[in-house]
Amino acid sequence: MCLHKTKKIFLVLLLVATAARAFECPTAGIFPVDDCSGFHVCGYNALNGAVEVLQFVECPDGKLYNIMKHKCQPPSVFTCPQ
């Protein structure tokens, strides 16, 4: 893998990790981001019992996360309520 591609992958991972840290989980569960471009998966930390972001998932290809269907869908099928 070339160094340029490695830098891009690292930057994307860093941005995703930063977005996940900026979100504070109110409880365990799945929480869409405001623009429906993805969602946070919140759960309990096994070491200290705190509720925290376990994963941030970004919808691919411009799709929007539909919390009622629990999946990413095209904008032609789902409109984000914002």
N, C-alpha and C. Protein backbone atom coordinates (compact mmCIF):
# COMPACT_ATOMS: atom_id res chain seq x y z
N MET A 1 0.85 -1.17 0.00
CA MET A 1 0.00 0.00 0.00
C MET A 1 0.90 1.23 0.00
N CYS A 2 0.58 2.21 -0.83
CA CYS A 2 1.42 3.40 -0.91
C CYS A 2 1.18 4.31 0.31
N LEU A 3 2.15 5.14 0.61
CA LEU A 3 2.10 6.02 1.78
C LEU A 3 0.95 7.01 1.67
N HIS A 4 0.68 7.53 0.47
CA HIS A 4 -0.40 8.50 0.27
C HIS A 4 -1.75 7.88 0.65
N LYS A 5 -1.99 6.66 0.21
CA LYS A 5 -3.24 5.97 0.51
C LYS A 5 -3.34 5.69 2.02
N THR A 6 -2.23 5.34 2.65
CA THR A 6 -2.20 5.09 4.09
C THR A 6 -2.57 6.35 4.86
N LYS A 7 -2.07 7.50 4.42
CA LYS A 7 -2.39 8.77 5.09
C LYS A 7 -3.88 9.08 4.98
N LYS A 8 -4.47 8.81 3.81
CA LYS A 8 -5.90 9.05 3.63
C LYS A 8 -6.72 8.15 4.55
N ILE A 9 -6.37 6.89 4.63
CA ILE A 9 -7.09 5.95 5.50
C ILE A 9 -6.98 6.39 6.95
N PHE A 10 -5.79 6.80 7.38
CA PHE A 10 -5.60 7.26 8.75
C PHE A 10 -6.44 8.49 9.03
N LEU A 11 -6.50 9.44 8.09
CA LEU A 11 -7.28 10.66 8.28
C LEU A 11 -8.76 10.33 8.42
N VAL A 12 -9.28 9.43 7.60
CA VAL A 12 -10.68 9.03 7.70
C VAL A 12 -10.96 8.39 9.05
N LEU A 13 -10.09 7.50 9.49
CA LEU A 13 -10.27 6.86 10.79
C LEU A 13 -10.21 7.87 11.92
N LEU A 14 -9.33 8.85 11.81
CA LEU A 14 -9.21 9.89 12.82
C LEU A 14 -10.47 10.74 12.88
N LEU A 15 -11.02 11.10 11.72
CA LEU A 15 -12.25 11.89 11.69
C LEU A 15 -13.42 11.12 12.27
N VAL A 16 -13.53 9.84 11.97
CA VAL A 16 -14.61 9.01 12.52
C VAL A 16 -14.46 8.90 14.03
N ALA A 17 -13.25 8.68 14.52
CA ALA A 17 -13.01 8.58 15.96
C ALA A 17 -13.33 9.89 16.66
N THR A 18 -12.99 11.02 16.04
CA THR A 18 -13.28 12.33 16.62
C THR A 18 -14.78 12.55 16.69
N ALA A 19 -15.51 12.20 15.65
CA ALA A 19 -16.96 12.36 15.65
C ALA A 19 -17.60 11.51 16.74
N ALA A 20 -17.10 10.31 16.93
CA ALA A 20 -17.64 9.42 17.96
C ALA A 20 -17.38 9.98 19.35
N ARG A 21 -16.20 10.57 19.56
CA ARG A 21 -15.88 11.13 20.87
C ARG A 21 -16.72 12.36 21.17
N ALA A 22 -17.10 13.12 20.15
CA ALA A 22 -17.86 14.35 20.35
C ALA A 22 -19.29 14.04 20.80
N PHE A 23 -19.79 12.87 20.51
CA PHE A 23 -21.15 12.48 20.89
C PHE A 23 -21.13 11.87 22.27
N GLU A 24 -22.05 12.30 23.12
CA GLU A 24 -22.18 11.71 24.46
C GLU A 24 -23.44 10.86 24.50
N CYS A 25 -23.28 9.60 24.80
CA CYS A 25 -24.40 8.66 24.84
C CYS A 25 -25.28 8.93 26.06
N PRO A 26 -26.57 9.13 25.85
CA PRO A 26 -27.47 9.31 26.99
C PRO A 26 -27.76 7.98 27.70
N THR A 27 -27.71 6.90 26.93
CA THR A 27 -27.96 5.54 27.44
C THR A 27 -27.47 4.56 26.37
N ALA A 28 -27.57 3.29 26.63
CA ALA A 28 -27.21 2.30 25.60
C ALA A 28 -28.27 2.33 24.50
N GLY A 29 -27.84 2.17 23.26
CA GLY A 29 -28.77 2.17 22.14
C GLY A 29 -28.13 2.69 20.87
N ILE A 30 -28.96 2.95 19.89
CA ILE A 30 -28.51 3.46 18.59
C ILE A 30 -29.08 4.86 18.42
N PHE A 31 -28.19 5.81 18.06
CA PHE A 31 -28.58 7.21 17.96
C PHE A 31 -28.09 7.79 16.63
N PRO A 32 -29.03 8.21 15.76
CA PRO A 32 -28.63 8.79 14.48
C PRO A 32 -27.98 10.16 14.67
N VAL A 33 -27.08 10.52 13.77
CA VAL A 33 -26.54 11.87 13.77
C VAL A 33 -27.61 12.80 13.21
N ASP A 34 -27.50 14.09 13.49
CA ASP A 34 -28.55 15.06 13.13
C ASP A 34 -28.93 15.06 11.66
N ASP A 35 -27.95 14.86 10.77
CA ASP A 35 -28.26 14.89 9.34
C ASP A 35 -28.55 13.50 8.76
N CYS A 36 -28.69 12.50 9.63
CA CYS A 36 -29.02 11.12 9.26
C CYS A 36 -27.96 10.44 8.39
N SER A 37 -26.75 10.98 8.36
CA SER A 37 -25.70 10.39 7.53
C SER A 37 -25.07 9.16 8.16
N GLY A 38 -25.44 8.85 9.39
CA GLY A 38 -24.90 7.69 10.09
C GLY A 38 -25.50 7.60 11.48
N PHE A 39 -24.90 6.74 12.32
CA PHE A 39 -25.42 6.58 13.67
C PHE A 39 -24.34 6.13 14.63
N HIS A 40 -24.57 6.40 15.90
CA HIS A 40 -23.68 5.97 16.97
C HIS A 40 -24.29 4.75 17.66
N VAL A 41 -23.47 3.77 17.95
CA VAL A 41 -23.89 2.61 18.73
C VAL A 41 -23.31 2.81 20.12
N CYS A 42 -24.18 2.93 21.11
CA CYS A 42 -23.75 3.17 22.48
C CYS A 42 -24.00 1.93 23.33
N GLY A 43 -23.07 1.67 24.22
CA GLY A 43 -23.20 0.51 25.10
C GLY A 43 -22.35 0.68 26.34
N TYR A 44 -22.29 -0.34 27.14
CA TYR A 44 -21.59 -0.28 28.42
C TYR A 44 -20.14 -0.74 28.28
N ASN A 45 -19.24 0.03 28.85
CA ASN A 45 -17.83 -0.33 28.92
C ASN A 45 -17.69 -1.44 29.95
N ALA A 46 -17.16 -2.57 29.56
CA ALA A 46 -17.04 -3.72 30.46
C ALA A 46 -16.10 -3.47 31.63
N LEU A 47 -15.16 -2.53 31.48
CA LEU A 47 -14.19 -2.27 32.54
C LEU A 47 -14.72 -1.37 33.64
N ASN A 48 -15.51 -0.34 33.25
CA ASN A 48 -15.97 0.60 34.28
C ASN A 48 -17.48 0.80 34.32
N GLY A 49 -18.22 0.16 33.43
CA GLY A 49 -19.68 0.24 33.44
C GLY A 49 -20.25 1.52 32.85
N ALA A 50 -19.40 2.41 32.37
CA ALA A 50 -19.86 3.67 31.79
C ALA A 50 -20.49 3.43 30.42
N VAL A 51 -21.50 4.23 30.10
CA VAL A 51 -22.10 4.17 28.77
C VAL A 51 -21.24 5.02 27.84
N GLU A 52 -20.84 4.45 26.71
CA GLU A 52 -19.98 5.17 25.78
C GLU A 52 -20.24 4.72 24.35
N VAL A 53 -19.70 5.51 23.41
CA VAL A 53 -19.82 5.15 22.00
C VAL A 53 -18.94 3.93 21.74
N LEU A 54 -19.55 2.85 21.29
CA LEU A 54 -18.81 1.64 20.95
C LEU A 54 -18.41 1.66 19.48
N GLN A 55 -19.25 2.32 18.66
CA GLN A 55 -18.99 2.33 17.23
C GLN A 55 -19.73 3.50 16.60
N PHE A 56 -19.13 4.11 15.58
CA PHE A 56 -19.82 5.09 14.74
C PHE A 56 -19.90 4.48 13.35
N VAL A 57 -21.10 4.45 12.79
CA VAL A 57 -21.31 3.88 11.47
C VAL A 57 -21.80 4.99 10.54
N GLU A 58 -21.09 5.18 9.43
CA GLU A 58 -21.50 6.16 8.43
C GLU A 58 -22.19 5.43 7.29
N CYS A 59 -23.35 5.92 6.89
CA CYS A 59 -24.07 5.30 5.78
C CYS A 59 -23.28 5.50 4.48
N PRO A 60 -23.20 4.47 3.65
CA PRO A 60 -22.44 4.57 2.39
C PRO A 60 -23.23 5.27 1.29
N ASP A 61 -22.52 5.77 0.32
CA ASP A 61 -23.09 6.25 -0.94
C ASP A 61 -24.20 7.29 -0.78
N GLY A 62 -24.09 8.18 0.20
CA GLY A 62 -25.09 9.24 0.37
C GLY A 62 -26.42 8.78 0.94
N LYS A 63 -26.47 7.55 1.42
CA LYS A 63 -27.70 7.04 2.02
C LYS A 63 -27.92 7.69 3.38
N LEU A 64 -29.15 7.60 3.89
CA LEU A 64 -29.54 8.18 5.17
C LEU A 64 -29.98 7.09 6.13
N TYR A 65 -29.64 7.27 7.41
CA TYR A 65 -30.03 6.26 8.40
C TYR A 65 -31.47 6.47 8.82
N ASN A 66 -32.29 5.45 8.62
CA ASN A 66 -33.69 5.45 9.02
C ASN A 66 -33.80 4.69 10.33
N ILE A 67 -34.02 5.42 11.43
CA ILE A 67 -34.06 4.79 12.75
C ILE A 67 -35.26 3.85 12.90
N MET A 68 -36.34 4.11 12.17
CA MET A 68 -37.51 3.23 12.27
C MET A 68 -37.27 1.87 11.60
N LYS A 69 -36.48 1.87 10.53
CA LYS A 69 -36.17 0.62 9.82
C LYS A 69 -34.82 0.03 10.24
N HIS A 70 -34.03 0.81 11.00
CA HIS A 70 -32.70 0.38 11.45
C HIS A 70 -31.79 0.02 10.28
N LYS A 71 -31.81 0.88 9.24
CA LYS A 71 -30.91 0.67 8.11
C LYS A 71 -30.73 1.97 7.34
N CYS A 72 -29.66 1.99 6.55
CA CYS A 72 -29.38 3.14 5.68
C CYS A 72 -30.18 2.97 4.39
N GLN A 73 -30.84 4.06 3.98
CA GLN A 73 -31.67 4.00 2.78
C GLN A 73 -31.38 5.20 1.88
N PRO A 74 -31.67 5.08 0.58
CA PRO A 74 -31.46 6.20 -0.34
C PRO A 74 -32.40 7.36 0.02
N PRO A 75 -32.00 8.60 -0.27
CA PRO A 75 -32.85 9.76 0.00
C PRO A 75 -34.19 9.69 -0.73
N SER A 76 -34.28 8.92 -1.81
CA SER A 76 -35.55 8.77 -2.53
C SER A 76 -36.55 7.94 -1.74
N VAL A 77 -36.07 7.17 -0.76
CA VAL A 77 -36.93 6.30 0.05
C VAL A 77 -37.18 6.90 1.43
N PHE A 78 -36.17 7.60 1.97
CA PHE A 78 -36.27 8.14 3.33
C PHE A 78 -35.81 9.59 3.36
N THR A 79 -36.60 10.44 4.01
CA THR A 79 -36.25 11.85 4.19
C THR A 79 -35.89 12.07 5.65
N CYS A 80 -34.74 12.66 5.89
CA CYS A 80 -34.29 12.91 7.26
C CYS A 80 -35.18 13.97 7.91
N PRO A 81 -35.71 13.69 9.10
CA PRO A 81 -36.62 14.64 9.76
C PRO A 81 -35.95 15.90 10.30
N GLN A 82 -34.65 15.90 10.48
CA GLN A 82 -33.88 17.02 11.03
C GLN A 82 -34.76 17.93 11.81
